[in-house]
Amino acid sequence: NLPDGHPVNTYFQENDLIHKLLKELRETNIETEFQKFYNIFNHLQTIEKRFTRKENQLFPFLEKKGWHGPSKGMWSFHDTLREEMRIIRKNIESRNYENVNQDLNYLIDGIYNLMKVEETVLFPNSLDLLSDEDWITMRKGEEEIGWMLDVNPPPYPKEEYIHPSVDYIAKDLSFSIENKEHYDE
């Protein structure tokens, strides 16, 4: 029940996309539907943005709270998945379909295992440890990295326009009109 734009909500939206992509990869025959397979695999490789956001945004916030496990364990798991994707890409480009199909099973299993750990350990503990201010700061940093999604998530917190005629919140004005001289007199 996280609001739109919250980093963890975005991770779960990406999980839905990843499940869809992995299902499509399994159902697509690389030999008879090469271009479709290639396009799906390319989209799956945007998972790199997700890894980068976790490594450069989420993990540092968790380390500040004293939880170093994700940065040590998950980072190496990301690296393993990156290597598997590199090998599969090489086999796709050389049209070595047998190796692609064999290696794809390892990649898919690895991604499913990673998402399971995220959903059951990483994200619940992160939500307990981090403050809303942490999530807001993290979300701003994610803008530079990007997401796997076709449409960028909305800002967090949601930006609401308030017309000046109904804005009654006192503002801290950094200027004063006291002791000022007017040169037009």
C-alpha atoms as a PDB file:
ATOM      1  CA  ASN A   1       0.000   0.000   0.000  1.00  0.00           C
ATOM      2  CA  LEU A   2       2.781   2.389  -0.855  1.00  0.00           C
ATOM      3  CA  PRO A   3       2.005   5.594  -2.736  1.00  0.00           C
ATOM      4  CA  ASP A   4       2.826   5.955  -6.416  1.00  0.00           C
ATOM      5  CA  GLY A   5       6.384   7.118  -6.944  1.00  0.00           C
ATOM      6  CA  HIS A   6       7.696   5.581  -3.697  1.00  0.00           C
ATOM      7  CA  PRO A   7      10.926   3.737  -4.586  1.00  0.00           C
ATOM      8  CA  VAL A   8       9.708   0.401  -3.211  1.00  0.00           C
ATOM      9  CA  ASN A   9       6.428   0.705  -5.103  1.00  0.00           C
ATOM     10  CA  THR A  10       8.484   1.268  -8.257  1.00  0.00           C
ATOM     11  CA  TYR A  11      10.586  -1.835  -7.537  1.00  0.00           C
ATOM     12  CA  PHE A  12       7.379  -3.867  -7.297  1.00  0.00           C
ATOM     13  CA  GLN A  13       6.109  -2.419 -10.585  1.00  0.00           C
ATOM     14  CA  GLU A  14       9.418  -3.439 -12.140  1.00  0.00           C
ATOM     15  CA  ASN A  15       8.990  -6.923 -10.625  1.00  0.00           C
ATOM     16  CA  ASP A  16       5.700  -7.245 -12.506  1.00  0.00           C
ATOM     17  CA  LEU A  17       7.452  -6.227 -15.720  1.00  0.00           C
ATOM     18  CA  ILE A  18      10.328  -8.652 -15.085  1.00  0.00           C
ATOM     19  CA  HIS A  19       7.885 -11.540 -14.524  1.00  0.00           C
ATOM     20  CA  LYS A  20       6.213 -10.670 -17.839  1.00  0.00           C
ATOM     21  CA  LEU A  21       9.535 -10.457 -19.705  1.00  0.00           C
ATOM     22  CA  LEU A  22      10.831 -13.738 -18.272  1.00  0.00           C
ATOM     23  CA  LYS A  23       7.587 -15.493 -19.217  1.00  0.00           C
ATOM     24  CA  GLU A  24       7.817 -14.100 -22.759  1.00  0.00           C
ATOM     25  CA  LEU A  25      11.454 -15.193 -23.058  1.00  0.00           C
ATOM     26  CA  ARG A  26      10.561 -18.745 -22.041  1.00  0.00           C
ATOM     27  CA  GLU A  27       7.665 -18.829 -24.510  1.00  0.00           C
ATOM     28  CA  THR A  28       9.598 -17.353 -27.455  1.00  0.00           C
ATOM     29  CA  ASN A  29      11.543 -19.696 -29.701  1.00  0.00           C
ATOM     30  CA  ILE A  30      14.830 -17.971 -30.479  1.00  0.00           C
ATOM     31  CA  GLU A  31      15.298 -19.921 -33.719  1.00  0.00           C
ATOM     32  CA  THR A  32      11.914 -19.111 -35.267  1.00  0.00           C
ATOM     33  CA  GLU A  33      11.301 -15.741 -33.578  1.00  0.00           C
ATOM     34  CA  PHE A  34      14.812 -14.377 -33.318  1.00  0.00           C
ATOM     35  CA  GLN A  35      13.953 -10.660 -33.503  1.00  0.00           C
ATOM     36  CA  LYS A  36      11.172 -10.950 -30.921  1.00  0.00           C
ATOM     37  CA  PHE A  37      13.482 -12.886 -28.579  1.00  0.00           C
ATOM     38  CA  TYR A  38      16.248 -10.345 -29.126  1.00  0.00           C
ATOM     39  CA  ASN A  39      13.904  -7.426 -28.332  1.00  0.00           C
ATOM     40  CA  ILE A  40      12.586  -9.058 -25.155  1.00  0.00           C
ATOM     41  CA  PHE A  41      16.128  -9.825 -24.004  1.00  0.00           C
ATOM     42  CA  ASN A  42      17.172  -6.216 -24.665  1.00  0.00           C
ATOM     43  CA  HIS A  43      14.273  -4.982 -22.547  1.00  0.00           C
ATOM     44  CA  LEU A  44      15.215  -7.421 -19.780  1.00  0.00           C
ATOM     45  CA  GLN A  45      18.764  -6.057 -19.812  1.00  0.00           C
ATOM     46  CA  THR A  46      17.419  -2.710 -18.626  1.00  0.00           C
ATOM     47  CA  ILE A  47      17.369  -4.512 -15.256  1.00  0.00           C
ATOM     48  CA  GLU A  48      20.822  -2.911 -15.021  1.00  0.00           C
ATOM     49  CA  LYS A  49      19.087   0.369 -14.095  1.00  0.00           C
ATOM     50  CA  ARG A  50      17.379  -1.434 -11.219  1.00  0.00           C
ATOM     51  CA  PHE A  51      20.674  -2.909 -10.016  1.00  0.00           C
ATOM     52  CA  THR A  52      22.355   0.498 -10.246  1.00  0.00           C
ATOM     53  CA  ARG A  53      19.555   2.190  -8.272  1.00  0.00           C
ATOM     54  CA  LYS A  54      19.830  -0.407  -5.525  1.00  0.00           C
ATOM     55  CA  GLU A  55      23.637  -0.213  -5.410  1.00  0.00           C
ATOM     56  CA  ASN A  56      23.918   3.577  -5.537  1.00  0.00           C
ATOM     57  CA  GLN A  57      20.714   4.698  -3.833  1.00  0.00           C
ATOM     58  CA  LEU A  58      19.180   2.049  -1.561  1.00  0.00           C
ATOM     59  CA  PHE A  59      22.289   0.282  -0.252  1.00  0.00           C
ATOM     60  CA  PRO A  60      24.087   3.457   0.920  1.00  0.00           C
ATOM     61  CA  PHE A  61      20.998   4.500   2.913  1.00  0.00           C
ATOM     62  CA  LEU A  62      20.852   1.053   4.523  1.00  0.00           C
ATOM     63  CA  GLU A  63      24.571   1.183   5.333  1.00  0.00           C
ATOM     64  CA  LYS A  64      24.042   4.514   7.133  1.00  0.00           C
ATOM     65  CA  LYS A  65      21.525   2.677   9.326  1.00  0.00           C
ATOM     66  CA  GLY A  66      24.081  -0.077  10.023  1.00  0.00           C
ATOM     67  CA  TRP A  67      22.715  -2.771   7.689  1.00  0.00           C
ATOM     68  CA  HIS A  68      25.580  -3.834   5.409  1.00  0.00           C
ATOM     69  CA  GLY A  69      24.312  -7.266   4.332  1.00  0.00           C
ATOM     70  CA  PRO A  70      22.517  -6.188   1.138  1.00  0.00           C
ATOM     71  CA  SER A  71      25.492  -4.263  -0.211  1.00  0.00           C
ATOM     72  CA  LYS A  72      27.786  -7.216   0.335  1.00  0.00           C
ATOM     73  CA  GLY A  73      25.542 -10.116  -0.709  1.00  0.00           C
ATOM     74  CA  MET A  74      23.245  -8.631  -3.315  1.00  0.00           C
ATOM     75  CA  TRP A  75      25.927  -6.658  -5.112  1.00  0.00           C
ATOM     76  CA  SER A  76      27.828  -9.860  -5.892  1.00  0.00           C
ATOM     77  CA  PHE A  77      24.569 -11.492  -6.980  1.00  0.00           C
ATOM     78  CA  HIS A  78      23.956  -8.552  -9.334  1.00  0.00           C
ATOM     79  CA  ASP A  79      27.437  -9.065 -10.752  1.00  0.00           C
ATOM     80  CA  THR A  80      26.707 -12.761 -11.365  1.00  0.00           C
ATOM     81  CA  LEU A  81      23.492 -11.897 -13.222  1.00  0.00           C
ATOM     82  CA  ARG A  82      25.324  -9.248 -15.232  1.00  0.00           C
ATOM     83  CA  GLU A  83      27.899 -11.845 -16.275  1.00  0.00           C
ATOM     84  CA  GLU A  84      25.178 -14.340 -17.233  1.00  0.00           C
ATOM     85  CA  MET A  85      23.500 -11.673 -19.380  1.00  0.00           C
ATOM     86  CA  ARG A  86      26.822 -10.850 -21.038  1.00  0.00           C
ATOM     87  CA  ILE A  87      27.374 -14.517 -21.914  1.00  0.00           C
ATOM     88  CA  ILE A  88      23.820 -14.892 -23.243  1.00  0.00           C
ATOM     89  CA  ARG A  89      24.185 -11.734 -25.336  1.00  0.00           C
ATOM     90  CA  LYS A  90      27.402 -13.106 -26.839  1.00  0.00           C
ATOM     91  CA  ASN A  91      25.618 -16.381 -27.672  1.00  0.00           C
ATOM     92  CA  ILE A  92      22.616 -14.531 -29.120  1.00  0.00           C
ATOM     93  CA  GLU A  93      24.856 -12.477 -31.374  1.00  0.00           C
ATOM     94  CA  SER A  94      26.751 -15.574 -32.545  1.00  0.00           C
ATOM     95  CA  ARG A  95      23.384 -17.374 -32.946  1.00  0.00           C
ATOM     96  CA  ASN A  96      24.452 -20.201 -30.666  1.00  0.00           C
ATOM     97  CA  TYR A  97      20.848 -21.095 -29.797  1.00  0.00           C
ATOM     98  CA  GLU A  98      21.633 -24.198 -27.760  1.00  0.00           C
ATOM     99  CA  ASN A  99      23.839 -22.250 -25.341  1.00  0.00           C
ATOM    100  CA  VAL A 100      21.331 -19.387 -25.173  1.00  0.00           C
ATOM    101  CA  ASN A 101      18.551 -21.765 -24.132  1.00  0.00           C
ATOM    102  CA  GLN A 102      20.768 -23.516 -21.596  1.00  0.00           C
ATOM    103  CA  ASP A 103      22.155 -20.320 -20.045  1.00  0.00           C
ATOM    104  CA  LEU A 104      18.759 -18.643 -20.073  1.00  0.00           C
ATOM    105  CA  ASN A 105      17.485 -21.132 -17.490  1.00  0.00           C
ATOM    106  CA  TYR A 106      20.263 -20.120 -15.071  1.00  0.00           C
ATOM    107  CA  LEU A 107      19.573 -16.433 -15.636  1.00  0.00           C
ATOM    108  CA  ILE A 108      15.826 -16.772 -15.132  1.00  0.00           C
ATOM    109  CA  ASP A 109      16.268 -18.838 -11.958  1.00  0.00           C
ATOM    110  CA  GLY A 110      18.786 -16.300 -10.640  1.00  0.00           C
ATOM    111  CA  ILE A 111      16.477 -13.345 -11.287  1.00  0.00           C
ATOM    112  CA  TYR A 112      13.535 -15.125  -9.631  1.00  0.00           C
ATOM    113  CA  ASN A 113      15.706 -15.903  -6.592  1.00  0.00           C
ATOM    114  CA  LEU A 114      16.845 -12.290  -6.393  1.00  0.00           C
ATOM    115  CA  MET A 115      13.273 -10.970  -6.540  1.00  0.00           C
ATOM    116  CA  LYS A 116      12.223 -13.417  -3.827  1.00  0.00           C
ATOM    117  CA  VAL A 117      14.961 -12.129  -1.495  1.00  0.00           C
ATOM    118  CA  GLU A 118      14.029  -8.533  -2.334  1.00  0.00           C
ATOM    119  CA  GLU A 119      10.335  -9.100  -1.627  1.00  0.00           C
ATOM    120  CA  THR A 120      10.778 -11.117   1.573  1.00  0.00           C
ATOM    121  CA  VAL A 121      13.880  -9.567   3.152  1.00  0.00           C
ATOM    122  CA  LEU A 122      15.289  -6.456   1.471  1.00  0.00           C
ATOM    123  CA  PHE A 123      12.204  -4.328   0.917  1.00  0.00           C
ATOM    124  CA  PRO A 124      10.345  -5.118   4.190  1.00  0.00           C
ATOM    125  CA  ASN A 125      13.477  -4.410   6.261  1.00  0.00           C
ATOM    126  CA  SER A 126      14.239  -1.285   4.234  1.00  0.00           C
ATOM    127  CA  LEU A 127      10.746   0.050   4.903  1.00  0.00           C
ATOM    128  CA  ASP A 128      11.276  -0.548   8.642  1.00  0.00           C
ATOM    129  CA  LEU A 129      14.742   1.037   8.752  1.00  0.00           C
ATOM    130  CA  LEU A 130      14.412   4.083   6.511  1.00  0.00           C
ATOM    131  CA  SER A 131      12.488   7.273   7.152  1.00  0.00           C
ATOM    132  CA  ASP A 132      10.190   9.004   4.717  1.00  0.00           C
ATOM    133  CA  GLU A 133      12.858  11.697   4.306  1.00  0.00           C
ATOM    134  CA  ASP A 134      15.309   8.961   3.255  1.00  0.00           C
ATOM    135  CA  TRP A 135      12.866   7.697   0.624  1.00  0.00           C
ATOM    136  CA  ILE A 136      12.222  11.219  -0.679  1.00  0.00           C
ATOM    137  CA  THR A 137      15.955  11.884  -1.012  1.00  0.00           C
ATOM    138  CA  MET A 138      16.490   8.473  -2.608  1.00  0.00           C
ATOM    139  CA  ARG A 139      13.702   9.072  -5.118  1.00  0.00           C
ATOM    140  CA  LYS A 140      15.331  12.323  -6.249  1.00  0.00           C
ATOM    141  CA  GLY A 141      18.600  10.466  -6.860  1.00  0.00           C
ATOM    142  CA  GLU A 142      16.837   7.813  -8.915  1.00  0.00           C
ATOM    143  CA  GLU A 143      15.941  10.395 -11.566  1.00  0.00           C
ATOM    144  CA  GLU A 144      19.501  10.365 -12.867  1.00  0.00           C
ATOM    145  CA  ILE A 145      19.684   6.560 -13.123  1.00  0.00           C
ATOM    146  CA  GLY A 146      16.264   5.776 -14.561  1.00  0.00           C
ATOM    147  CA  TRP A 147      13.942   2.791 -14.432  1.00  0.00           C
ATOM    148  CA  MET A 148      13.008  -0.301 -16.422  1.00  0.00           C
ATOM    149  CA  LEU A 149       9.459   0.941 -16.854  1.00  0.00           C
ATOM    150  CA  ASP A 150       8.176   2.343 -20.132  1.00  0.00           C
ATOM    151  CA  VAL A 151       6.809   5.394 -18.293  1.00  0.00           C
ATOM    152  CA  ASN A 152       8.733   7.050 -15.473  1.00  0.00           C
ATOM    153  CA  PRO A 153       7.050   6.774 -12.082  1.00  0.00           C
ATOM    154  CA  PRO A 154       5.468   9.929 -10.692  1.00  0.00           C
ATOM    155  CA  PRO A 155       7.422  12.071  -8.230  1.00  0.00           C
ATOM    156  CA  TYR A 156       7.458  11.110  -4.584  1.00  0.00           C
ATOM    157  CA  PRO A 157       5.881  12.629  -2.660  1.00  0.00           C
ATOM    158  CA  LYS A 158       3.170  13.497  -5.117  1.00  0.00           C
ATOM    159  CA  GLU A 159       3.482  17.093  -6.213  1.00  0.00           C
ATOM    160  CA  GLU A 160       0.197  18.897  -5.937  1.00  0.00           C
ATOM    161  CA  TYR A 161      -0.415  22.279  -7.479  1.00  0.00           C
ATOM    162  CA  ILE A 162      -1.896  24.828  -5.090  1.00  0.00           C
ATOM    163  CA  HIS A 163      -3.220  27.974  -6.664  1.00  0.00           C
ATOM    164  CA  PRO A 164      -1.803  31.085  -4.930  1.00  0.00           C
ATOM    165  CA  SER A 165      -5.329  32.348  -4.171  1.00  0.00           C
ATOM    166  CA  VAL A 166      -5.939  29.361  -1.874  1.00  0.00           C
ATOM    167  CA  ASP A 167      -2.412  28.990  -0.500  1.00  0.00           C
ATOM    168  CA  TYR A 168      -2.616  30.182   3.098  1.00  0.00           C
ATOM    169  CA  ILE A 169       0.603  28.580   4.294  1.00  0.00           C
ATOM    170  CA  ALA A 170       2.987  31.130   5.804  1.00  0.00           C
ATOM    171  CA  LYS A 171       6.164  31.421   3.763  1.00  0.00           C
ATOM    172  CA  ASP A 172       9.609  32.215   5.031  1.00  0.00           C
ATOM    173  CA  LEU A 173      10.586  35.170   2.892  1.00  0.00           C
ATOM    174  CA  SER A 174      14.301  35.701   2.695  1.00  0.00           C
ATOM    175  CA  PHE A 175      14.009  39.446   2.189  1.00  0.00           C
ATOM    176  CA  SER A 176      12.776  42.348   4.242  1.00  0.00           C
ATOM    177  CA  ILE A 177      11.466  45.782   3.339  1.00  0.00           C
ATOM    178  CA  GLU A 178      12.693  47.378   6.555  1.00  0.00           C
ATOM    179  CA  ASN A 179      15.572  49.873   6.359  1.00  0.00           C
ATOM    180  CA  LYS A 180      15.437  49.989   2.596  1.00  0.00           C
ATOM    181  CA  GLU A 181      15.875  53.167   0.588  1.00  0.00           C
ATOM    182  CA  HIS A 182      13.986  53.878  -2.548  1.00  0.00           C
ATOM    183  CA  TYR A 183      15.948  55.617  -5.259  1.00  0.00           C
ATOM    184  CA  ASP A 184      12.890  56.698  -7.234  1.00  0.00           C
ATOM    185  CA  GLU A 185      11.922  59.439  -4.771  1.00  0.00           C
END
